[in-house]
Structure formats: structure tokens, C-alpha cells
C-alpha atoms as a PDB file:
ATOM      1  CA  MET A   1     -70.219 -40.080  33.431  1.00  0.00           C
ATOM      2  CA  LYS A   2     -71.784 -43.343  34.582  1.00  0.00           C
ATOM      3  CA  LEU A   3     -75.000 -42.932  36.534  1.00  0.00           C
ATOM      4  CA  PHE A   4     -77.039 -45.032  38.909  1.00  0.00           C
ATOM      5  CA  PRO A   5     -79.603 -47.476  37.492  1.00  0.00           C
ATOM      6  CA  ALA A   6     -82.311 -46.739  40.065  1.00  0.00           C
ATOM      7  CA  LEU A   7     -82.279 -43.078  39.114  1.00  0.00           C
ATOM      8  CA  VAL A   8     -84.063 -43.415  35.785  1.00  0.00           C
ATOM      9  CA  ILE A   9     -86.969 -45.307  37.349  1.00  0.00           C
ATOM     10  CA  SER A  10     -87.285 -43.015  40.353  1.00  0.00           C
ATOM     11  CA  ILE A  11     -87.213 -39.616  38.656  1.00  0.00           C
ATOM     12  CA  ALA A  12     -90.879 -39.623  37.702  1.00  0.00           C
ATOM     13  CA  LEU A  13     -91.854 -40.513  41.263  1.00  0.00           C
ATOM     14  CA  VAL A  14     -89.730 -37.776  42.770  1.00  0.00           C
ATOM     15  CA  LEU A  15     -90.900 -35.095  40.384  1.00  0.00           C
ATOM     16  CA  ALA A  16     -94.672 -35.927  40.785  1.00  0.00           C
ATOM     17  CA  GLY A  17     -94.266 -34.965  43.724  1.00  0.00           C
ATOM     18  CA  CYS A  18     -92.587 -29.875  72.960  1.00  0.00           C
ATOM     19  CA  GLY A  19     -92.543 -30.314  76.411  1.00  0.00           C
ATOM     20  CA  ARG A  20     -94.623 -28.711  79.153  1.00  0.00           C
ATOM     21  CA  GLN A  21     -93.562 -25.186  80.069  1.00  0.00           C
ATOM     22  CA  GLU A  22     -92.654 -24.488  83.689  1.00  0.00           C
ATOM     23  CA  GLN A  23     -94.170 -21.468  85.425  1.00  0.00           C
ATOM     24  CA  PRO A  24     -91.548 -18.737  85.857  1.00  0.00           C
ATOM     25  CA  ALA A  25     -90.403 -17.998  89.392  1.00  0.00           C
ATOM     26  CA  ALA A  26     -91.825 -14.878  91.027  1.00  0.00           C
ATOM     27  CA  GLY A  27     -89.713 -11.743  90.935  1.00  0.00           C
ATOM     28  CA  PRO A  28     -87.261 -10.405  88.354  1.00  0.00           C
ATOM     29  CA  ALA A  29     -85.551 -12.650  85.835  1.00  0.00           C
ATOM     30  CA  PRO A  30     -82.239 -14.033  87.115  1.00  0.00           C
ATOM     31  CA  ALA A  31     -79.159 -12.081  86.080  1.00  0.00           C
ATOM     32  CA  GLU A  32     -77.565 -15.299  84.782  1.00  0.00           C
ATOM     33  CA  GLN A  33     -79.950 -15.343  81.833  1.00  0.00           C
ATOM     34  CA  GLU A  34     -77.856 -13.992  79.013  1.00  0.00           C
ATOM     35  CA  ARG A  35     -78.536 -13.579  75.361  1.00  0.00           C
ATOM     36  CA  ARG A  36     -76.931 -16.057  73.041  1.00  0.00           C
ATOM     37  CA  PRO A  37     -73.712 -14.521  71.698  1.00  0.00           C
ATOM     38  CA  VAL A  38     -73.764 -13.370  68.087  1.00  0.00           C
ATOM     39  CA  ASP A  39     -71.925 -15.733  65.745  1.00  0.00           C
ATOM     40  CA  THR A  40     -69.411 -13.497  63.991  1.00  0.00           C
ATOM     41  CA  ARG A  41     -67.684 -16.210  61.953  1.00  0.00           C
ATOM     42  CA  PRO A  42     -67.558 -15.582  58.180  1.00  0.00           C
ATOM     43  CA  VAL A  43     -70.459 -17.235  56.376  1.00  0.00           C
ATOM     44  CA  ILE A  44     -70.235 -19.985  53.795  1.00  0.00           C
ATOM     45  CA  ALA A  45     -73.637 -20.323  52.100  1.00  0.00           C
ATOM     46  CA  ALA A  46     -74.664 -23.669  50.628  1.00  0.00           C
ATOM     47  CA  PHE A  47     -77.069 -22.283  48.031  1.00  0.00           C
ATOM     48  CA  GLY A  48     -79.000 -24.836  46.041  1.00  0.00           C
ATOM     49  CA  ASP A  49     -81.863 -27.296  45.794  1.00  0.00           C
ATOM     50  CA  SER A  50     -82.742 -30.515  47.651  1.00  0.00           C
ATOM     51  CA  LEU A  51     -79.169 -31.788  47.529  1.00  0.00           C
ATOM     52  CA  SER A  52     -78.131 -28.793  49.642  1.00  0.00           C
ATOM     53  CA  ALA A  53     -81.313 -28.700  51.712  1.00  0.00           C
ATOM     54  CA  GLY A  54     -80.771 -32.301  52.830  1.00  0.00           C
ATOM     55  CA  TYR A  55     -83.946 -33.862  51.479  1.00  0.00           C
ATOM     56  CA  GLY A  56     -84.915 -37.032  53.343  1.00  0.00           C
ATOM     57  CA  VAL A  57     -82.508 -36.659  56.272  1.00  0.00           C
ATOM     58  CA  SER A  58     -82.650 -34.698  59.514  1.00  0.00           C
ATOM     59  CA  PRO A  59     -81.286 -31.111  59.421  1.00  0.00           C
ATOM     60  CA  GLY A  60     -78.118 -32.118  61.245  1.00  0.00           C
ATOM     61  CA  ARG A  61     -77.331 -34.725  58.571  1.00  0.00           C
ATOM     62  CA  SER A  62     -77.445 -32.589  55.418  1.00  0.00           C
ATOM     63  CA  TYR A  63     -74.204 -32.126  53.502  1.00  0.00           C
ATOM     64  CA  PRO A  64     -73.868 -28.483  54.733  1.00  0.00           C
ATOM     65  CA  ALA A  65     -74.148 -29.721  58.336  1.00  0.00           C
ATOM     66  CA  CYS A  66     -71.512 -32.367  57.617  1.00  0.00           C
ATOM     67  CA  LEU A  67     -69.346 -29.698  55.999  1.00  0.00           C
ATOM     68  CA  GLN A  68     -69.591 -27.604  59.169  1.00  0.00           C
ATOM     69  CA  ARG A  69     -68.182 -30.529  61.140  1.00  0.00           C
ATOM     70  CA  GLU A  70     -65.355 -30.897  58.599  1.00  0.00           C
ATOM     71  CA  LEU A  71     -64.486 -27.222  59.044  1.00  0.00           C
ATOM     72  CA  ASP A  72     -64.612 -27.451  62.822  1.00  0.00           C
ATOM     73  CA  ARG A  73     -62.344 -30.488  62.851  1.00  0.00           C
ATOM     74  CA  GLY A  74     -59.904 -28.693  60.563  1.00  0.00           C
ATOM     75  CA  GLY A  75     -59.737 -25.634  62.793  1.00  0.00           C
ATOM     76  CA  TYR A  76     -61.470 -23.331  60.305  1.00  0.00           C
ATOM     77  CA  ALA A  77     -63.662 -20.669  61.922  1.00  0.00           C
ATOM     78  CA  TYR A  78     -66.488 -20.405  59.387  1.00  0.00           C
ATOM     79  CA  ARG A  79     -70.248 -20.770  59.743  1.00  0.00           C
ATOM     80  CA  VAL A  80     -72.057 -22.816  57.104  1.00  0.00           C
ATOM     81  CA  VAL A  81     -75.578 -21.598  56.349  1.00  0.00           C
ATOM     82  CA  ASN A  82     -77.891 -24.021  54.568  1.00  0.00           C
ATOM     83  CA  ALA A  83     -79.644 -22.024  51.852  1.00  0.00           C
ATOM     84  CA  GLY A  84     -81.036 -25.032  50.015  1.00  0.00           C
ATOM     85  CA  VAL A  85     -84.699 -25.422  49.064  1.00  0.00           C
ATOM     86  CA  SER A  86     -86.013 -28.710  47.736  1.00  0.00           C
ATOM     87  CA  GLY A  87     -87.438 -28.535  44.232  1.00  0.00           C
ATOM     88  CA  ASP A  88     -85.684 -25.314  43.300  1.00  0.00           C
ATOM     89  CA  THR A  89     -84.606 -24.703  39.721  1.00  0.00           C
ATOM     90  CA  THR A  90     -82.109 -22.096  38.553  1.00  0.00           C
ATOM     91  CA  THR A  91     -85.070 -19.749  38.102  1.00  0.00           C
ATOM     92  CA  SER A  92     -86.115 -20.261  41.733  1.00  0.00           C
ATOM     93  CA  GLY A  93     -82.551 -19.653  42.870  1.00  0.00           C
ATOM     94  CA  LEU A  94     -82.397 -16.400  40.974  1.00  0.00           C
ATOM     95  CA  VAL A  95     -85.572 -15.286  42.754  1.00  0.00           C
ATOM     96  CA  ARG A  96     -84.009 -16.082  46.145  1.00  0.00           C
ATOM     97  CA  ILE A  97     -80.577 -14.638  45.553  1.00  0.00           C
ATOM     98  CA  ASP A  98     -81.132 -11.362  47.431  1.00  0.00           C
ATOM     99  CA  GLY A  99     -81.800 -13.323  50.605  1.00  0.00           C
ATOM    100  CA  VAL A 100     -78.503 -15.165  50.221  1.00  0.00           C
ATOM    101  CA  ILE A 101     -76.622 -11.939  49.501  1.00  0.00           C
ATOM    102  CA  ALA A 102     -78.139 -10.505  52.691  1.00  0.00           C
ATOM    103  CA  LEU A 103     -76.198 -13.164  54.629  1.00  0.00           C
ATOM    104  CA  ARG A 104     -73.001 -11.439  53.441  1.00  0.00           C
ATOM    105  CA  PRO A 105     -71.296 -14.733  52.665  1.00  0.00           C
ATOM    106  CA  VAL A 106     -67.599 -14.820  51.927  1.00  0.00           C
ATOM    107  CA  ILE A 107     -68.082 -18.047  49.945  1.00  0.00           C
ATOM    108  CA  VAL A 108     -71.144 -19.442  48.182  1.00  0.00           C
ATOM    109  CA  ILE A 109     -71.328 -23.074  47.078  1.00  0.00           C
ATOM    110  CA  LEU A 110     -73.669 -22.692  44.111  1.00  0.00           C
ATOM    111  CA  GLU A 111     -75.553 -25.932  43.446  1.00  0.00           C
ATOM    112  CA  PHE A 112     -78.371 -25.658  40.918  1.00  0.00           C
ATOM    113  CA  GLY A 113     -79.382 -27.216  37.642  1.00  0.00           C
ATOM    114  CA  GLY A 114     -80.380 -30.759  38.536  1.00  0.00           C
ATOM    115  CA  ASN A 115     -84.081 -29.982  38.569  1.00  0.00           C
ATOM    116  CA  ASP A 116     -83.751 -27.982  35.362  1.00  0.00           C
ATOM    117  CA  GLY A 117     -82.200 -30.955  33.643  1.00  0.00           C
ATOM    118  CA  LEU A 118     -84.735 -33.455  34.944  1.00  0.00           C
ATOM    119  CA  ARG A 119     -87.505 -31.222  33.587  1.00  0.00           C
ATOM    120  CA  GLY A 120     -85.829 -30.844  30.209  1.00  0.00           C
ATOM    121  CA  ILE A 121     -85.419 -27.077  30.518  1.00  0.00           C
ATOM    122  CA  PRO A 122     -83.247 -25.726  27.686  1.00  0.00           C
ATOM    123  CA  VAL A 123     -79.627 -25.662  28.804  1.00  0.00           C
ATOM    124  CA  ARG A 124     -79.139 -22.117  27.519  1.00  0.00           C
ATOM    125  CA  ALA A 125     -81.858 -20.887  29.892  1.00  0.00           C
ATOM    126  CA  SER A 126     -80.337 -22.694  32.863  1.00  0.00           C
ATOM    127  CA  GLU A 127     -76.871 -21.438  32.003  1.00  0.00           C
ATOM    128  CA  ALA A 128     -78.134 -17.860  31.729  1.00  0.00           C
ATOM    129  CA  ASN A 129     -79.719 -18.104  35.189  1.00  0.00           C
ATOM    130  CA  LEU A 130     -76.565 -19.569  36.714  1.00  0.00           C
ATOM    131  CA  GLU A 131     -74.509 -16.819  35.122  1.00  0.00           C
ATOM    132  CA  LYS A 132     -76.766 -14.113  36.551  1.00  0.00           C
ATOM    133  CA  MET A 133     -76.390 -15.654  40.018  1.00  0.00           C
ATOM    134  CA  ILE A 134     -72.616 -15.866  39.652  1.00  0.00           C
ATOM    135  CA  VAL A 135     -72.373 -12.233  38.593  1.00  0.00           C
ATOM    136  CA  ALA A 136     -74.627 -11.031  41.429  1.00  0.00           C
ATOM    137  CA  LEU A 137     -72.807 -13.038  44.091  1.00  0.00           C
ATOM    138  CA  ARG A 138     -69.387 -11.916  42.923  1.00  0.00           C
ATOM    139  CA  LYS A 139     -70.547  -8.308  42.775  1.00  0.00           C
ATOM    140  CA  ALA A 140     -71.608  -8.690  46.415  1.00  0.00           C
ATOM    141  CA  GLY A 141     -68.071  -9.803  47.294  1.00  0.00           C
ATOM    142  CA  ALA A 142     -68.558 -13.561  47.558  1.00  0.00           C
ATOM    143  CA  THR A 143     -66.258 -16.193  46.133  1.00  0.00           C
ATOM    144  CA  VAL A 144     -68.393 -18.648  44.156  1.00  0.00           C
ATOM    145  CA  VAL A 145     -67.677 -22.374  44.139  1.00  0.00           C
ATOM    146  CA  LEU A 146     -69.683 -23.999  41.350  1.00  0.00           C
ATOM    147  CA  ALA A 147     -71.059 -27.492  41.923  1.00  0.00           C
ATOM    148  CA  GLY A 148     -71.582 -29.492  38.739  1.00  0.00           C
ATOM    149  CA  MET A 149     -74.231 -32.109  38.058  1.00  0.00           C
ATOM    150  CA  THR A 150     -75.107 -34.652  35.384  1.00  0.00           C
ATOM    151  CA  LEU A 151     -78.217 -36.492  34.200  1.00  0.00           C
ATOM    152  CA  PRO A 152     -79.453 -40.055  33.623  1.00  0.00           C
ATOM    153  CA  PRO A 153     -78.560 -41.702  30.295  1.00  0.00           C
ATOM    154  CA  ASN A 154     -82.145 -41.631  29.018  1.00  0.00           C
ATOM    155  CA  TYR A 155     -81.875 -37.855  28.513  1.00  0.00           C
ATOM    156  CA  GLY A 156     -79.672 -38.502  25.530  1.00  0.00           C
ATOM    157  CA  PRO A 157     -75.942 -37.889  24.966  1.00  0.00           C
ATOM    158  CA  ASP A 158     -76.359 -34.520  23.259  1.00  0.00           C
ATOM    159  CA  TYR A 159     -78.476 -32.985  26.011  1.00  0.00           C
ATOM    160  CA  ILE A 160     -76.277 -34.477  28.735  1.00  0.00           C
ATOM    161  CA  ARG A 161     -73.095 -33.226  27.071  1.00  0.00           C
ATOM    162  CA  SER A 162     -74.554 -29.741  26.763  1.00  0.00           C
ATOM    163  CA  PHE A 163     -75.865 -29.846  30.343  1.00  0.00           C
ATOM    164  CA  GLU A 164     -72.532 -30.886  31.849  1.00  0.00           C
ATOM    165  CA  GLY A 165     -70.761 -28.376  29.635  1.00  0.00           C
ATOM    166  CA  MET A 166     -72.542 -25.378  31.102  1.00  0.00           C
ATOM    167  CA  TYR A 167     -70.713 -25.892  34.411  1.00  0.00           C
ATOM    168  CA  THR A 168     -67.264 -26.180  32.858  1.00  0.00           C
ATOM    169  CA  THR A 169     -68.005 -23.234  30.558  1.00  0.00           C
ATOM    170  CA  LEU A 170     -69.095 -20.951  33.402  1.00  0.00           C
ATOM    171  CA  ALA A 171     -66.249 -22.066  35.657  1.00  0.00           C
ATOM    172  CA  ALA A 172     -63.735 -21.289  32.921  1.00  0.00           C
ATOM    173  CA  LYS A 173     -65.337 -17.958  31.997  1.00  0.00           C
ATOM    174  CA  TYR A 174     -65.394 -16.658  35.575  1.00  0.00           C
ATOM    175  CA  LYS A 175     -62.349 -18.620  36.838  1.00  0.00           C
ATOM    176  CA  LEU A 176     -64.424 -20.357  39.497  1.00  0.00           C
ATOM    177  CA  PRO A 177     -63.396 -23.309  41.639  1.00  0.00           C
ATOM    178  CA  LEU A 178     -65.421 -26.214  40.210  1.00  0.00           C
ATOM    179  CA  ILE A 179     -66.734 -29.370  41.818  1.00  0.00           C
ATOM    180  CA  PRO A 180     -67.100 -31.406  38.601  1.00  0.00           C
ATOM    181  CA  PHE A 181     -69.847 -33.663  40.010  1.00  0.00           C
ATOM    182  CA  LEU A 182     -71.279 -33.040  43.480  1.00  0.00           C
ATOM    183  CA  LEU A 183     -72.313 -36.679  43.920  1.00  0.00           C
ATOM    184  CA  ALA A 184     -69.044 -38.201  42.708  1.00  0.00           C
ATOM    185  CA  GLY A 185     -68.476 -41.543  44.417  1.00  0.00           C
ATOM    186  CA  VAL A 186     -71.977 -41.420  45.907  1.00  0.00           C
ATOM    187  CA  ALA A 187     -74.414 -41.623  42.992  1.00  0.00           C
ATOM    188  CA  GLY A 188     -75.043 -45.201  41.978  1.00  0.00           C
ATOM    189  CA  ASN A 189     -73.974 -46.634  45.325  1.00  0.00           C
ATOM    190  CA  ALA A 190     -77.071 -48.069  47.013  1.00  0.00           C
ATOM    191  CA  ASN A 191     -75.328 -47.897  50.401  1.00  0.00           C
ATOM    192  CA  LEU A 192     -74.933 -44.132  50.079  1.00  0.00           C
ATOM    193  CA  MET A 193     -78.220 -43.195  48.419  1.00  0.00           C
ATOM    194  CA  GLN A 194     -81.801 -43.048  49.618  1.00  0.00           C
ATOM    195  CA  ASP A 195     -84.366 -45.392  48.098  1.00  0.00           C
ATOM    196  CA  ASP A 196     -85.304 -42.790  45.474  1.00  0.00           C
ATOM    197  CA  GLY A 197     -81.879 -43.200  43.888  1.00  0.00           C
ATOM    198  CA  ILE A 198     -81.447 -39.427  43.663  1.00  0.00           C
ATOM    199  CA  HIS A 199     -80.688 -38.088  47.135  1.00  0.00           C
ATOM    200  CA  PRO A 200     -77.781 -39.134  49.374  1.00  0.00           C
ATOM    201  CA  ASN A 201     -78.502 -40.770  52.712  1.00  0.00           C
ATOM    202  CA  ILE A 202     -76.681 -39.792  55.911  1.00  0.00           C
ATOM    203  CA  GLU A 203     -73.413 -41.495  54.977  1.00  0.00           C
ATOM    204  CA  GLY A 204     -73.753 -40.203  51.433  1.00  0.00           C
ATOM    205  CA  ASN A 205     -73.951 -36.636  52.699  1.00  0.00           C
ATOM    206  CA  VAL A 206     -70.768 -37.195  54.690  1.00  0.00           C
ATOM    207  CA  ARG A 207     -69.072 -38.194  51.412  1.00  0.00           C
ATOM    208  CA  VAL A 208     -70.531 -35.193  49.580  1.00  0.00           C
ATOM    209  CA  ALA A 209     -69.246 -32.860  52.304  1.00  0.00           C
ATOM    210  CA  ALA A 210     -65.772 -34.387  51.933  1.00  0.00           C
ATOM    211  CA  THR A 211     -65.903 -33.789  48.162  1.00  0.00           C
ATOM    212  CA  VAL A 212     -66.898 -30.160  48.713  1.00  0.00           C
ATOM    213  CA  PHE A 213     -64.280 -29.664  51.413  1.00  0.00           C
ATOM    214  CA  LYS A 214     -61.447 -30.702  49.087  1.00  0.00           C
ATOM    215  CA  VAL A 215     -62.344 -27.910  46.668  1.00  0.00           C
ATOM    216  CA  LEU A 216     -63.189 -25.441  49.416  1.00  0.00           C
ATOM    217  CA  GLU A 217     -60.125 -25.847  51.634  1.00  0.00           C
ATOM    218  CA  PRO A 218     -57.655 -23.899  49.455  1.00  0.00           C
ATOM    219  CA  LEU A 219     -59.966 -20.890  49.757  1.00  0.00           C
ATOM    220  CA  LEU A 220     -60.060 -20.935  53.561  1.00  0.00           C
ATOM    221  CA  THR A 221     -58.016 -19.121  56.173  1.00  0.00           C
ATOM    222  CA  LYS A 222     -57.290 -20.544  59.586  1.00  0.00           C
ATOM    223  CA  PRO A 223     -57.548 -18.172  62.543  1.00  0.00           C
ATOM    224  CA  VAL A 224     -54.248 -16.872  63.852  1.00  0.00           C
ATOM    225  CA  THR A 225     -53.453 -18.325  67.260  1.00  0.00           C
ATOM    226  CA  SER A 226     -51.101 -16.828  69.799  1.00  0.00           C
ATOM    227  CA  PRO A 227     -47.883 -18.816  70.427  1.00  0.00           C
END
């Protein structure tokens, strides 16, 4: 899979690394003040690292936020929860998994491994962590959508082949919907990537959300509307 030239140079750099309150009116609080209604829509959790967290863009411009808009436009009543943390590895994700399970998601978009690969972590260790997360999420009742990644050419063809293979292997073993490459059509395009060459910009996240939505849509149910 062809990668973006700026990525190899930028990896080392990336890895090193209210208004005045009004006084309340006298007397009891007005009856019109109501609590915000509880959002009862089924949860889709975007569980991953900086690519899910939306590194370098405002919260409303991350790919999960863009995915929420895709769902809304399509008439799908789901709530996307951004469970991404920048810098996370598969080990970090495994540590956080109970918090994601507590959201009771119906679908989890599992996006980990990029940071493992960039750090040269043995693929077998990363694959074992991903498998543990898949098993735990499925046991909790969630459908897992696995998001695949790849690495820059300087990591060598053998390591890259093994790294990419862990996603296809796990998807086949557990019969998971697979996004072969989360950044397909985005990586390598300077107009869609931030200056670091690794993270999508605002428009790039829109494209990523569209890629995810294509795989996600067959799993979704539209609300029944009265005639």
C-alpha cells in the first residue's frame, strides 16, 4: 500500500513528542429551567488513538464528529461517542476497555495499532492485545468494526506485511467488518493531511468518516416512522 512521503520524515517529530456570570434573580428558580433530556440513542464508540481523538483539529471536526453528521443526514438514530486518546497503543486501549464497555455501545469502531507499529512493537504482541479487546467487546454485546492501518516503507516489507496481516487475520477469525485502511484516499494527499503528514485535517476527517460510514451502514437500523 503506497504511503505518503512526508510521513517518514515527520514520524520522529510526532513521537518525540468564559464569560462573566450574571447574578441570579432573587426568589426561586424559574420553572422553565429543565434538565437536559437524556440521550437514549444507541451508542457507537469510536475507540482508538489520535486518529479517533481528532488530534490537531477542534472536537467538532474529528472523524467521529463527522460520522455523527453522516448518521444524522442518513436518518440513523445513533450517538457517536469519541473514545480516542492521542498516543494510545494497543496496550493502552486494553487498559481503558472497561470504560468503553461501560458506555454499553452497540457498535465499537476499534482503531489501534498505528502507534505500536511506529514504535516497532512486535506484531504478535499488538495482535494479542487487539484480540483481547475484540473478545471483551463482543462478550459485552458490541459489534466490533476493525479499522486497519499500515506503516511507512522504511519499516521494511516483512514487518509491514505482518503488521497489515494482523487486521485481516483477526477480521477473518472473528468474522468482523473490516475497514482495510482507515486513511484510504487521505494519506499522502497534502490537501487532506496536517503538516505532520500523519493526521488528517478537517477535510481529511470528513473523508475518513465517509470511509467508516460505508462499512458501518449495513450494520445500522433506521428508526421506524409512522405512515
